[in-house]
Every structure is written in structure tokens, then in C-alpha cells.
Amino acid sequence: MLTIHAATEVRHDWDGAALGDGAVVVEGGRIAAVGTLWDLLERFPGTRVRSWPGVLGPARVHERELPDAPTPRERVHAVLKSGATAVLERHADSPELRAAAARNDVLVLTRAPRTRLDENARADLAVFDESGECIATVCAGRLVHRRR
């Protein structure tokens, strides 16, 4: 099923220029298209739209120790709530943490790459409000966190 994630502003990467009134089309676990909401609605008529009040961009890589929590699953969930869909290998240092990451499609990486919203890339997105708090996280095409 196709889903368009739209926001007031979309950044292809967190250092780049913003695309106002932007949107990303997600199909399965991949990005099918990036553009303005109106262009994407025209190209993909009838697609479900999720509108977010904030800045949409690529999900982040969690580069620090994983948040403290009672279980590995809760530690990984805290990472997802922060807008990250990947962690560094040195911080996922137990079999339990790596298993929890794998069950949730969270990538375990040796280094933090530059992330971008590109067609055919894995659909890892995050939306942040004006204070920098994460509103929503999409991991491998699945909405895994949204602020209520």
C-alpha cells in the first residue's frame, strides 16, 4: 500500500535545503518518490496521506549510548521515539540489544552515514516539531512512533 507522508517542510538531508510543502511516497519499505504534495497527489491519485505538522526528513542515526530502560526492547523503542532508525554497533553491544534492534528493523551500523531521502532508498523518515522533538518515526516503511 502506498502512503504519502507530508509536512510543512521536507529536507532531503538535515544539512540541505528544504522543500516547502513537501512529501514522500512510501511503498512497502522503500521510498517511491519525493516532491511537493500536490505533484505527488497528481502522480499517485487515491493514495493515503499522513500530514505532519513539522519538518520531515531522513531518520537519524543514534550515535550515543542507547537510552536507559528496563529491557532491550524498551531501549530500542526509546531510540525510535527520538527519530532514529539506526544505532551504532559499539552501542548495541549485547546479543539482546541486537536481537531487539533486528526485530524492529533498526539498523546496526559500524559508522554513521549521511542519510538522504532518495527514491528507492529504505523508507526511514522522521518528523520534528519546531522545538526539535520527534513527532513521528517511520522505520523501513512502518510508522513505529507518533506523538499523541
Foldseek 3Di string as FASTA:
>chain_A
DKEKEWEQWEDQFPVDDIAGQKIWIDDQFFTADIHHPVVVCVVPPPHHYDYDYFYKWAFFEAEDAQDDDDALLVSQLVSQQLRHQEYEQVNCPDPRNVVSSVVVLRHHHPDTDGGGRDGGHGPWMWGAHPVSGTQWTAHSNRTSDGDD
